[in-house]
Amino acid sequence: MRWLTLPYAASVLLMASFPAYPQASGGDPASGRAVATRLCSSCHPILPNSPAAKADPLSFQSIADEPSTTGISLNVFLHSNHNNMPDFILSGAESNDVIAYILSLKKK
């Protein structure tokens, strides 16, 4: 049972290192769509029902529709390193806006 303690503690510390984001993240979905168009659309389909620009990247719609997609999970993802993605730095407002845009695509 002790082996459960370390992963749990690590996840709590990780979550504590990021600001808490409610489901809507306080961002502006329209601005988030503009940021995503500028930075992400060369690979990811960012609009609902748009074709993929490349073979592998998930569409923003499919990301939004994942049950695990929340403001917190998107914040962690956007502030983590990714091997197959270009390096880009989002301001706090841009990050909140992109999160709000993706969450706005979530099917209710």
PDB file of N, CA and C in Angstrom:
ATOM      1  N   MET A   1       0.815  -1.184   0.000  1.00  0.00           N
ATOM      2  CA  MET A   1       0.000   0.000   0.000  1.00  0.00           C
ATOM      3  C   MET A   1       0.864   1.255   0.000  1.00  0.00           C
ATOM      4  N   ARG A   2       2.086   1.154   0.501  1.00  0.00           N
ATOM      5  CA  ARG A   2       2.981   2.302   0.538  1.00  0.00           C
ATOM      6  C   ARG A   2       3.283   2.833  -0.860  1.00  0.00           C
ATOM      7  N   TRP A   3       3.307   1.997  -1.878  1.00  0.00           N
ATOM      8  CA  TRP A   3       3.610   2.427  -3.249  1.00  0.00           C
ATOM      9  C   TRP A   3       2.567   3.390  -3.781  1.00  0.00           C
ATOM     10  N   LEU A   4       1.357   3.396  -3.230  1.00  0.00           N
ATOM     11  CA  LEU A   4       0.330   4.346  -3.650  1.00  0.00           C
ATOM     12  C   LEU A   4       0.615   5.757  -3.145  1.00  0.00           C
ATOM     13  N   THR A   5       1.351   5.856  -2.060  1.00  0.00           N
ATOM     14  CA  THR A   5       1.582   7.150  -1.429  1.00  0.00           C
ATOM     15  C   THR A   5       2.417   8.070  -2.301  1.00  0.00           C
ATOM     16  N   LEU A   6       3.502   7.604  -2.886  1.00  0.00           N
ATOM     17  CA  LEU A   6       4.384   8.444  -3.685  1.00  0.00           C
ATOM     18  C   LEU A   6       3.698   8.993  -4.928  1.00  0.00           C
ATOM     19  N   PRO A   7       3.037   8.173  -5.748  1.00  0.00           N
ATOM     20  CA  PRO A   7       2.355   8.761  -6.909  1.00  0.00           C
ATOM     21  C   PRO A   7       1.271   9.763  -6.509  1.00  0.00           C
ATOM     22  N   TYR A   8       0.559   9.459  -5.451  1.00  0.00           N
ATOM     23  CA  TYR A   8      -0.484  10.381  -4.998  1.00  0.00           C
ATOM     24  C   TYR A   8       0.138  11.703  -4.557  1.00  0.00           C
ATOM     25  N   ALA A   9       1.195  11.622  -3.774  1.00  0.00           N
ATOM     26  CA  ALA A   9       1.863  12.835  -3.291  1.00  0.00           C
ATOM     27  C   ALA A   9       2.428  13.631  -4.459  1.00  0.00           C
ATOM     28  N   ALA A  10       3.012  12.957  -5.437  1.00  0.00           N
ATOM     29  CA  ALA A  10       3.561  13.645  -6.613  1.00  0.00           C
ATOM     30  C   ALA A  10       2.467  14.344  -7.398  1.00  0.00           C
ATOM     31  N   SER A  11       1.313  13.710  -7.554  1.00  0.00           N
ATOM     32  CA  SER A  11       0.228  14.341  -8.301  1.00  0.00           C
ATOM     33  C   SER A  11      -0.336  15.542  -7.551  1.00  0.00           C
ATOM     34  N   VAL A  12      -0.399  15.458  -6.228  1.00  0.00           N
ATOM     35  CA  VAL A  12      -0.867  16.591  -5.428  1.00  0.00           C
ATOM     36  C   VAL A  12       0.098  17.759  -5.561  1.00  0.00           C
ATOM     37  N   LEU A  13       1.396  17.479  -5.500  1.00  0.00           N
ATOM     38  CA  LEU A  13       2.391  18.540  -5.664  1.00  0.00           C
ATOM     39  C   LEU A  13       2.327  19.147  -7.051  1.00  0.00           C
ATOM     40  N   LEU A  14       2.164  18.337  -8.067  1.00  0.00           N
ATOM     41  CA  LEU A  14       2.057  18.842  -9.435  1.00  0.00           C
ATOM     42  C   LEU A  14       0.844  19.743  -9.584  1.00  0.00           C
ATOM     43  N   MET A  15      -0.282  19.304  -9.076  1.00  0.00           N
ATOM     44  CA  MET A  15      -1.511  20.102  -9.173  1.00  0.00           C
ATOM     45  C   MET A  15      -1.363  21.409  -8.397  1.00  0.00           C
ATOM     46  N   ALA A  16      -0.674  21.364  -7.272  1.00  0.00           N
ATOM     47  CA  ALA A  16      -0.506  22.563  -6.453  1.00  0.00           C
ATOM     48  C   ALA A  16       0.411  23.579  -7.120  1.00  0.00           C
ATOM     49  N   SER A  17       1.256  23.128  -8.054  1.00  0.00           N
ATOM     50  CA  SER A  17       2.188  24.051  -8.688  1.00  0.00           C
ATOM     51  C   SER A  17       1.547  24.852  -9.814  1.00  0.00           C
ATOM     52  N   PHE A  18       0.343  24.518 -10.198  1.00  0.00           N
ATOM     53  CA  PHE A  18      -0.372  25.242 -11.238  1.00  0.00           C
ATOM     54  C   PHE A  18      -1.548  25.977 -10.619  1.00  0.00           C
ATOM     55  N   PRO A  19      -1.863  27.157 -11.139  1.00  0.00           N
ATOM     56  CA  PRO A  19      -3.028  27.858 -10.613  1.00  0.00           C
ATOM     57  C   PRO A  19      -4.286  27.037 -10.835  1.00  0.00           C
ATOM     58  N   ALA A  20      -5.221  27.157  -9.953  1.00  0.00           N
ATOM     59  CA  ALA A  20      -6.478  26.424 -10.097  1.00  0.00           C
ATOM     60  C   ALA A  20      -7.317  27.084 -11.184  1.00  0.00           C
ATOM     61  N   TYR A  21      -7.784  26.293 -12.108  1.00  0.00           N
ATOM     62  CA  TYR A  21      -8.628  26.798 -13.181  1.00  0.00           C
ATOM     63  C   TYR A  21      -9.996  26.159 -13.067  1.00  0.00           C
ATOM     64  N   PRO A  22     -11.039  26.937 -12.993  1.00  0.00           N
ATOM     65  CA  PRO A  22     -12.362  26.345 -13.051  1.00  0.00           C
ATOM     66  C   PRO A  22     -12.598  25.807 -14.451  1.00  0.00           C
ATOM     67  N   GLN A  23     -13.671  25.113 -14.645  1.00  0.00           N
ATOM     68  CA  GLN A  23     -13.957  24.491 -15.928  1.00  0.00           C
ATOM     69  C   GLN A  23     -13.898  25.491 -17.077  1.00  0.00           C
ATOM     70  N   ALA A  24     -14.339  26.718 -16.889  1.00  0.00           N
ATOM     71  CA  ALA A  24     -14.347  27.692 -17.977  1.00  0.00           C
ATOM     72  C   ALA A  24     -13.058  28.492 -18.059  1.00  0.00           C
ATOM     73  N   SER A  25     -12.161  28.419 -17.115  1.00  0.00           N
ATOM     74  CA  SER A  25     -10.836  29.017 -17.053  1.00  0.00           C
ATOM     75  C   SER A  25     -10.816  30.540 -17.078  1.00  0.00           C
ATOM     76  N   GLY A  26     -11.920  31.218 -17.186  1.00  0.00           N
ATOM     77  CA  GLY A  26     -11.931  32.666 -17.172  1.00  0.00           C
ATOM     78  C   GLY A  26     -11.392  33.306 -18.423  1.00  0.00           C
ATOM     79  N   GLY A  27     -11.078  32.542 -19.428  1.00  0.00           N
ATOM     80  CA  GLY A  27     -10.548  33.084 -20.672  1.00  0.00           C
ATOM     81  C   GLY A  27     -11.645  33.420 -21.655  1.00  0.00           C
ATOM     82  N   ASP A  28     -11.235  33.998 -22.770  1.00  0.00           N
ATOM     83  CA  ASP A  28     -12.147  34.389 -23.840  1.00  0.00           C
ATOM     84  C   ASP A  28     -12.042  33.382 -24.987  1.00  0.00           C
ATOM     85  N   PRO A  29     -13.084  32.585 -25.233  1.00  0.00           N
ATOM     86  CA  PRO A  29     -13.020  31.575 -26.290  1.00  0.00           C
ATOM     87  C   PRO A  29     -12.712  32.148 -27.679  1.00  0.00           C
ATOM     88  N   ALA A  30     -13.240  33.328 -28.001  1.00  0.00           N
ATOM     89  CA  ALA A  30     -12.974  33.918 -29.328  1.00  0.00           C
ATOM     90  C   ALA A  30     -11.498  34.266 -29.474  1.00  0.00           C
ATOM     91  N   SER A  31     -10.912  34.821 -28.437  1.00  0.00           N
ATOM     92  CA  SER A  31      -9.472  35.118 -28.476  1.00  0.00           C
ATOM     93  C   SER A  31      -8.667  33.826 -28.523  1.00  0.00           C
ATOM     94  N   GLY A  32      -9.120  32.808 -27.794  1.00  0.00           N
ATOM     95  CA  GLY A  32      -8.450  31.511 -27.817  1.00  0.00           C
ATOM     96  C   GLY A  32      -8.475  30.881 -29.190  1.00  0.00           C
ATOM     97  N   ARG A  33      -9.577  31.037 -29.887  1.00  0.00           N
ATOM     98  CA  ARG A  33      -9.666  30.522 -31.257  1.00  0.00           C
ATOM     99  C   ARG A  33      -8.665  31.249 -32.148  1.00  0.00           C
ATOM    100  N   ALA A  34      -8.509  32.555 -31.967  1.00  0.00           N
ATOM    101  CA  ALA A  34      -7.547  33.320 -32.765  1.00  0.00           C
ATOM    102  C   ALA A  34      -6.112  32.874 -32.474  1.00  0.00           C
ATOM    103  N   VAL A  35      -5.797  32.658 -31.203  1.00  0.00           N
ATOM    104  CA  VAL A  35      -4.459  32.179 -30.825  1.00  0.00           C
ATOM    105  C   VAL A  35      -4.230  30.798 -31.425  1.00  0.00           C
ATOM    106  N   ALA A  36      -5.209  29.915 -31.301  1.00  0.00           N
ATOM    107  CA  ALA A  36      -5.083  28.556 -31.838  1.00  0.00           C
ATOM    108  C   ALA A  36      -4.936  28.580 -33.355  1.00  0.00           C
ATOM    109  N   THR A  37      -5.648  29.472 -34.016  1.00  0.00           N
ATOM    110  CA  THR A  37      -5.520  29.588 -35.469  1.00  0.00           C
ATOM    111  C   THR A  37      -4.090  29.975 -35.833  1.00  0.00           C
ATOM    112  N   ARG A  38      -3.542  30.916 -35.097  1.00  0.00           N
ATOM    113  CA  ARG A  38      -2.197  31.412 -35.375  1.00  0.00           C
ATOM    114  C   ARG A  38      -1.118  30.370 -35.051  1.00  0.00           C
ATOM    115  N   LEU A  39      -1.252  29.674 -33.921  1.00  0.00           N
ATOM    116  CA  LEU A  39      -0.170  28.814 -33.453  1.00  0.00           C
ATOM    117  C   LEU A  39      -0.361  27.317 -33.701  1.00  0.00           C
ATOM    118  N   CYS A  40      -1.587  26.868 -33.787  1.00  0.00           N
ATOM    119  CA  CYS A  40      -1.836  25.419 -33.755  1.00  0.00           C
ATOM    120  C   CYS A  40      -2.396  24.847 -35.055  1.00  0.00           C
ATOM    121  N   SER A  41      -3.001  25.695 -35.882  1.00  0.00           N
ATOM    122  CA  SER A  41      -3.766  25.177 -37.023  1.00  0.00           C
ATOM    123  C   SER A  41      -2.904  24.602 -38.139  1.00  0.00           C
ATOM    124  N   SER A  42      -1.594  24.825 -38.105  1.00  0.00           N
ATOM    125  CA  SER A  42      -0.762  24.209 -39.137  1.00  0.00           C
ATOM    126  C   SER A  42      -0.673  22.695 -38.943  1.00  0.00           C
ATOM    127  N   CYS A  43      -0.991  22.213 -37.758  1.00  0.00           N
ATOM    128  CA  CYS A  43      -0.995  20.769 -37.490  1.00  0.00           C
ATOM    129  C   CYS A  43      -2.360  20.261 -37.030  1.00  0.00           C
ATOM    130  N   HIS A  44      -2.992  20.970 -36.088  1.00  0.00           N
ATOM    131  CA  HIS A  44      -4.245  20.517 -35.491  1.00  0.00           C
ATOM    132  C   HIS A  44      -5.455  21.129 -36.182  1.00  0.00           C
ATOM    133  N   PRO A  45      -6.494  20.328 -36.408  1.00  0.00           N
ATOM    134  CA  PRO A  45      -7.777  20.924 -36.785  1.00  0.00           C
ATOM    135  C   PRO A  45      -8.337  21.636 -35.551  1.00  0.00           C
ATOM    136  N   ILE A  46      -8.531  22.923 -35.648  1.00  0.00           N
ATOM    137  CA  ILE A  46      -8.987  23.669 -34.473  1.00  0.00           C
ATOM    138  C   ILE A  46     -10.475  23.970 -34.500  1.00  0.00           C
ATOM    139  N   LEU A  47     -11.075  23.911 -35.677  1.00  0.00           N
ATOM    140  CA  LEU A  47     -12.512  24.152 -35.797  1.00  0.00           C
ATOM    141  C   LEU A  47     -13.247  22.822 -35.807  1.00  0.00           C
ATOM    142  N   PRO A  48     -14.444  22.771 -35.255  1.00  0.00           N
ATOM    143  CA  PRO A  48     -15.210  21.522 -35.312  1.00  0.00           C
ATOM    144  C   PRO A  48     -15.384  21.065 -36.757  1.00  0.00           C
ATOM    145  N   ASN A  49     -15.209  19.793 -36.983  1.00  0.00           N
ATOM    146  CA  ASN A  49     -15.401  19.153 -38.290  1.00  0.00           C
ATOM    147  C   ASN A  49     -14.435  19.623 -39.363  1.00  0.00           C
ATOM    148  N   SER A  50     -13.288  20.187 -38.992  1.00  0.00           N
ATOM    149  CA  SER A  50     -12.310  20.564 -40.002  1.00  0.00           C
ATOM    150  C   SER A  50     -11.324  19.418 -40.213  1.00  0.00           C
ATOM    151  N   PRO A  51     -10.800  19.279 -41.429  1.00  0.00           N
ATOM    152  CA  PRO A  51      -9.878  18.168 -41.708  1.00  0.00           C
ATOM    153  C   PRO A  51      -8.525  18.391 -41.037  1.00  0.00           C
ATOM    154  N   ALA A  52      -7.827  17.304 -40.781  1.00  0.00           N
ATOM    155  CA  ALA A  52      -6.503  17.376 -40.155  1.00  0.00           C
ATOM    156  C   ALA A  52      -5.479  17.898 -41.144  1.00  0.00           C
ATOM    157  N   ALA A  53      -4.594  18.767 -40.667  1.00  0.00           N
ATOM    158  CA  ALA A  53      -3.516  19.279 -41.493  1.00  0.00           C
ATOM    159  C   ALA A  53      -2.401  18.248 -41.626  1.00  0.00           C
ATOM    160  N   LYS A  54      -2.233  17.415 -40.620  1.00  0.00           N
ATOM    161  CA  LYS A  54      -1.238  16.348 -40.614  1.00  0.00           C
ATOM    162  C   LYS A  54      -1.916  15.078 -40.116  1.00  0.00           C
ATOM    163  N   ALA A  55      -1.232  13.964 -40.255  1.00  0.00           N
ATOM    164  CA  ALA A  55      -1.855  12.671 -39.965  1.00  0.00           C
ATOM    165  C   ALA A  55      -2.164  12.428 -38.490  1.00  0.00           C
ATOM    166  N   ASP A  56      -1.260  12.750 -37.591  1.00  0.00           N
ATOM    167  CA  ASP A  56      -1.403  12.340 -36.204  1.00  0.00           C
ATOM    168  C   ASP A  56      -2.127  13.288 -35.259  1.00  0.00           C
ATOM    169  N   PRO A  57      -1.931  14.586 -35.348  1.00  0.00           N
ATOM    170  CA  PRO A  57      -2.463  15.445 -34.283  1.00  0.00           C
ATOM    171  C   PRO A  57      -3.972  15.343 -34.111  1.00  0.00           C
ATOM    172  N   LEU A  58      -4.384  15.335 -32.862  1.00  0.00           N
ATOM    173  CA  LEU A  58      -5.806  15.306 -32.545  1.00  0.00           C
ATOM    174  C   LEU A  58      -6.453  16.639 -32.889  1.00  0.00           C
ATOM    175  N   SER A  59      -7.706  16.584 -33.222  1.00  0.00           N
ATOM    176  CA  SER A  59      -8.450  17.822 -33.419  1.00  0.00           C
ATOM    177  C   SER A  59      -8.774  18.411 -32.054  1.00  0.00           C
ATOM    178  N   PHE A  60      -8.977  19.724 -32.022  1.00  0.00           N
ATOM    179  CA  PHE A  60      -9.367  20.354 -30.768  1.00  0.00           C
ATOM    180  C   PHE A  60     -10.712  19.805 -30.300  1.00  0.00           C
ATOM    181  N   GLN A  61     -11.575  19.442 -31.236  1.00  0.00           N
ATOM    182  CA  GLN A  61     -12.864  18.865 -30.859  1.00  0.00           C
ATOM    183  C   GLN A  61     -12.673  17.540 -30.139  1.00  0.00           C
ATOM    184  N   SER A  62     -11.793  16.677 -30.670  1.00  0.00           N
ATOM    185  CA  SER A  62     -11.581  15.382 -30.013  1.00  0.00           C
ATOM    186  C   SER A  62     -10.896  15.554 -28.659  1.00  0.00           C
ATOM    187  N   ILE A  63     -10.033  16.565 -28.542  1.00  0.00           N
ATOM    188  CA  ILE A  63      -9.420  16.855 -27.242  1.00  0.00           C
ATOM    189  C   ILE A  63     -10.501  17.302 -26.260  1.00  0.00           C
ATOM    190  N   ALA A  64     -11.368  18.198 -26.707  1.00  0.00           N
ATOM    191  CA  ALA A  64     -12.449  18.707 -25.846  1.00  0.00           C
ATOM    192  C   ALA A  64     -13.386  17.584 -25.406  1.00  0.00           C
ATOM    193  N   ASP A  65     -13.627  16.628 -26.280  1.00  0.00           N
ATOM    194  CA  ASP A  65     -14.588  15.567 -25.989  1.00  0.00           C
ATOM    195  C   ASP A  65     -14.048  14.467 -25.079  1.00  0.00           C
ATOM    196  N   GLU A  66     -12.755  14.479 -24.801  1.00  0.00           N
ATOM    197  CA  GLU A  66     -12.202  13.489 -23.869  1.00  0.00           C
ATOM    198  C   GLU A  66     -12.776  13.742 -22.474  1.00  0.00           C
ATOM    199  N   PRO A  67     -13.245  12.721 -21.796  1.00  0.00           N
ATOM    200  CA  PRO A  67     -13.785  12.922 -20.443  1.00  0.00           C
ATOM    201  C   PRO A  67     -12.772  13.530 -19.481  1.00  0.00           C
ATOM    202  N   SER A  68     -11.489  13.296 -19.716  1.00  0.00           N
ATOM    203  CA  SER A  68     -10.455  13.794 -18.813  1.00  0.00           C
ATOM    204  C   SER A  68     -10.067  15.250 -19.085  1.00  0.00           C
ATOM    205  N   THR A  69     -10.618  15.854 -20.123  1.00  0.00           N
ATOM    206  CA  THR A  69     -10.255  17.229 -20.459  1.00  0.00           C
ATOM    207  C   THR A  69     -10.968  18.207 -19.536  1.00  0.00           C
ATOM    208  N   THR A  70     -10.151  18.946 -18.781  1.00  0.00           N
ATOM    209  CA  THR A  70     -10.640  19.976 -17.869  1.00  0.00           C
ATOM    210  C   THR A  70      -9.728  21.190 -18.024  1.00  0.00           C
ATOM    211  N   GLY A  71     -10.091  22.269 -17.401  1.00  0.00           N
ATOM    212  CA  GLY A  71      -9.223  23.435 -17.399  1.00  0.00           C
ATOM    213  C   GLY A  71      -7.863  23.115 -16.807  1.00  0.00           C
ATOM    214  N   ILE A  72      -7.860  22.329 -15.743  1.00  0.00           N
ATOM    215  CA  ILE A  72      -6.594  21.968 -15.098  1.00  0.00           C
ATOM    216  C   ILE A  72      -5.748  21.084 -16.011  1.00  0.00           C
ATOM    217  N   SER A  73      -6.340  20.066 -16.616  1.00  0.00           N
ATOM    218  CA  SER A  73      -5.558  19.167 -17.468  1.00  0.00           C
ATOM    219  C   SER A  73      -5.005  19.916 -18.686  1.00  0.00           C
ATOM    220  N   LEU A  74      -5.784  20.829 -19.236  1.00  0.00           N
ATOM    221  CA  LEU A  74      -5.288  21.624 -20.370  1.00  0.00           C
ATOM    222  C   LEU A  74      -4.167  22.562 -19.932  1.00  0.00           C
ATOM    223  N   ASN A  75      -4.295  23.150 -18.758  1.00  0.00           N
ATOM    224  CA  ASN A  75      -3.246  24.027 -18.253  1.00  0.00           C
ATOM    225  C   ASN A  75      -1.943  23.255 -18.075  1.00  0.00           C
ATOM    226  N   VAL A  76      -2.025  22.075 -17.495  1.00  0.00           N
ATOM    227  CA  VAL A  76      -0.833  21.244 -17.319  1.00  0.00           C
ATOM    228  C   VAL A  76      -0.244  20.908 -18.681  1.00  0.00           C
ATOM    229  N   PHE A  77      -1.075  20.511 -19.628  1.00  0.00           N
ATOM    230  CA  PHE A  77      -0.598  20.151 -20.964  1.00  0.00           C
ATOM    231  C   PHE A  77       0.082  21.333 -21.650  1.00  0.00           C
ATOM    232  N   LEU A  78      -0.539  22.496 -21.602  1.00  0.00           N
ATOM    233  CA  LEU A  78       0.019  23.660 -22.291  1.00  0.00           C
ATOM    234  C   LEU A  78       1.317  24.153 -21.675  1.00  0.00           C
ATOM    235  N   HIS A  79       1.588  23.777 -20.436  1.00  0.00           N
ATOM    236  CA  HIS A  79       2.812  24.213 -19.770  1.00  0.00           C
ATOM    237  C   HIS A  79       3.818  23.079 -19.596  1.00  0.00           C
ATOM    238  N   SER A  80       3.671  22.018 -20.391  1.00  0.00           N
ATOM    239  CA  SER A  80       4.592  20.887 -20.359  1.00  0.00           C
ATOM    240  C   SER A  80       5.355  20.820 -21.677  1.00  0.00           C
ATOM    241  N   ASN A  81       6.519  20.194 -21.657  1.00  0.00           N
ATOM    242  CA  ASN A  81       7.292  19.992 -22.882  1.00  0.00           C
ATOM    243  C   ASN A  81       6.699  18.838 -23.675  1.00  0.00           C
ATOM    244  N   HIS A  82       6.737  18.976 -24.990  1.00  0.00           N
ATOM    245  CA  HIS A  82       6.213  17.927 -25.870  1.00  0.00           C
ATOM    246  C   HIS A  82       7.212  17.685 -26.983  1.00  0.00           C
ATOM    247  N   ASN A  83       7.556  16.430 -27.186  1.00  0.00           N
ATOM    248  CA  ASN A  83       8.565  16.076 -28.183  1.00  0.00           C
ATOM    249  C   ASN A  83       8.137  16.380 -29.610  1.00  0.00           C
ATOM    250  N   ASN A  84       6.883  16.191 -29.930  1.00  0.00           N
ATOM    251  CA  ASN A  84       6.428  16.309 -31.311  1.00  0.00           C
ATOM    252  C   ASN A  84       5.758  17.634 -31.617  1.00  0.00           C
ATOM    253  N   MET A  85       5.924  18.608 -30.751  1.00  0.00           N
ATOM    254  CA  MET A  85       5.299  19.911 -30.974  1.00  0.00           C
ATOM    255  C   MET A  85       6.366  20.985 -30.983  1.00  0.00           C
ATOM    256  N   PRO A  86       6.136  22.045 -31.758  1.00  0.00           N
ATOM    257  CA  PRO A  86       7.101  23.146 -31.724  1.00  0.00           C
ATOM    258  C   PRO A  86       7.082  23.827 -30.362  1.00  0.00           C
ATOM    259  N   ASP A  87       8.192  24.459 -30.041  1.00  0.00           N
ATOM    260  CA  ASP A  87       8.260  25.203 -28.781  1.00  0.00           C
ATOM    261  C   ASP A  87       7.543  26.540 -28.960  1.00  0.00           C
ATOM    262  N   PHE A  88       6.610  26.813 -28.133  1.00  0.00           N
ATOM    263  CA  PHE A  88       5.951  28.110 -28.119  1.00  0.00           C
ATOM    264  C   PHE A  88       5.635  28.459 -26.685  1.00  0.00           C
ATOM    265  N   ILE A  89       5.602  29.742 -26.424  1.00  0.00           N
ATOM    266  CA  ILE A  89       5.325  30.209 -25.072  1.00  0.00           C
ATOM    267  C   ILE A  89       4.059  31.052 -25.120  1.00  0.00           C
ATOM    268  N   LEU A  90       3.078  30.647 -24.345  1.00  0.00           N
ATOM    269  CA  LEU A  90       1.830  31.390 -24.255  1.00  0.00           C
ATOM    270  C   LEU A  90       1.849  32.260 -23.012  1.00  0.00           C
ATOM    271  N   SER A  91       1.344  33.465 -23.138  1.00  0.00           N
ATOM    272  CA  SER A  91       1.153  34.283 -21.945  1.00  0.00           C
ATOM    273  C   SER A  91       0.043  33.652 -21.115  1.00  0.00           C
ATOM    274  N   GLY A  92      -0.115  34.100 -19.887  1.00  0.00           N
ATOM    275  CA  GLY A  92      -1.196  33.583 -19.050  1.00  0.00           C
ATOM    276  C   GLY A  92      -2.558  33.820 -19.671  1.00  0.00           C
ATOM    277  N   ALA A  93      -2.757  35.008 -20.260  1.00  0.00           N
ATOM    278  CA  ALA A  93      -4.039  35.325 -20.892  1.00  0.00           C
ATOM    279  C   ALA A  93      -4.273  34.455 -22.126  1.00  0.00           C
ATOM    280  N   GLU A  94      -3.222  34.250 -22.937  1.00  0.00           N
ATOM    281  CA  GLU A  94      -3.368  33.403 -24.123  1.00  0.00           C
ATOM    282  C   GLU A  94      -3.698  31.971 -23.722  1.00  0.00           C
ATOM    283  N   SER A  95      -3.018  31.474 -22.709  1.00  0.00           N
ATOM    284  CA  SER A  95      -3.275  30.131 -22.215  1.00  0.00           C
ATOM    285  C   SER A  95      -4.722  29.999 -21.743  1.00  0.00           C
ATOM    286  N   ASN A  96      -5.184  30.954 -20.945  1.00  0.00           N
ATOM    287  CA  ASN A  96      -6.566  30.932 -20.469  1.00  0.00           C
ATOM    288  C   ASN A  96      -7.544  30.987 -21.635  1.00  0.00           C
ATOM    289  N   ASP A  97      -7.226  31.778 -22.650  1.00  0.00           N
ATOM    290  CA  ASP A  97      -8.117  31.908 -23.809  1.00  0.00           C
ATOM    291  C   ASP A  97      -8.181  30.606 -24.608  1.00  0.00           C
ATOM    292  N   VAL A  98      -7.033  29.969 -24.838  1.00  0.00           N
ATOM    293  CA  VAL A  98      -7.020  28.695 -25.573  1.00  0.00           C
ATOM    294  C   VAL A  98      -7.782  27.631 -24.777  1.00  0.00           C
ATOM    295  N   ILE A  99      -7.577  27.603 -23.473  1.00  0.00           N
ATOM    296  CA  ILE A  99      -8.303  26.658 -22.624  1.00  0.00           C
ATOM    297  C   ILE A  99      -9.805  26.912 -22.725  1.00  0.00           C
ATOM    298  N   ALA A 100     -10.208  28.169 -22.651  1.00  0.00           N
ATOM    299  CA  ALA A 100     -11.630  28.503 -22.758  1.00  0.00           C
ATOM    300  C   ALA A 100     -12.182  28.086 -24.113  1.00  0.00           C
ATOM    301  N   TYR A 101     -11.396  28.268 -25.182  1.00  0.00           N
ATOM    302  CA  TYR A 101     -11.856  27.863 -26.520  1.00  0.00           C
ATOM    303  C   TYR A 101     -12.055  26.353 -26.592  1.00  0.00           C
ATOM    304  N   ILE A 102     -11.051  25.604 -26.134  1.00  0.00           N
ATOM    305  CA  ILE A 102     -11.183  24.139 -26.198  1.00  0.00           C
ATOM    306  C   ILE A 102     -12.362  23.659 -25.361  1.00  0.00           C
ATOM    307  N   LEU A 103     -12.520  24.220 -24.162  1.00  0.00           N
ATOM    308  CA  LEU A 103     -13.649  23.812 -23.313  1.00  0.00           C
ATOM    309  C   LEU A 103     -14.987  24.214 -23.916  1.00  0.00           C
ATOM    310  N   SER A 104     -15.006  25.285 -24.720  1.00  0.00           N
ATOM    311  CA  SER A 104     -16.251  25.696 -25.362  1.00  0.00           C
ATOM    312  C   SER A 104     -16.700  24.687 -26.415  1.00  0.00           C
ATOM    313  N   LEU A 105     -15.771  23.869 -26.891  1.00  0.00           N
ATOM    314  CA  LEU A 105     -16.093  22.852 -27.895  1.00  0.00           C
ATOM    315  C   LEU A 105     -16.666  21.589 -27.265  1.00  0.00           C
ATOM    316  N   LYS A 106     -16.499  21.453 -25.965  1.00  0.00           N
ATOM    317  CA  LYS A 106     -16.951  20.244 -25.261  1.00  0.00           C
ATOM    318  C   LYS A 106     -18.444  20.068 -25.444  1.00  0.00           C
ATOM    319  N   LYS A 107     -18.822  18.887 -25.864  1.00  0.00           N
ATOM    320  CA  LYS A 107     -20.250  18.589 -26.039  1.00  0.00           C
ATOM    321  C   LYS A 107     -20.881  18.463 -24.670  1.00  0.00           C
ATOM    322  N   LYS A 108     -21.968  19.160 -24.475  1.00  0.00           N
ATOM    323  CA  LYS A 108     -22.640  19.191 -23.174  1.00  0.00           C
ATOM    324  C   LYS A 108     -23.402  17.911 -22.943  1.00  0.00           C
TER     325      LYS A 108
END
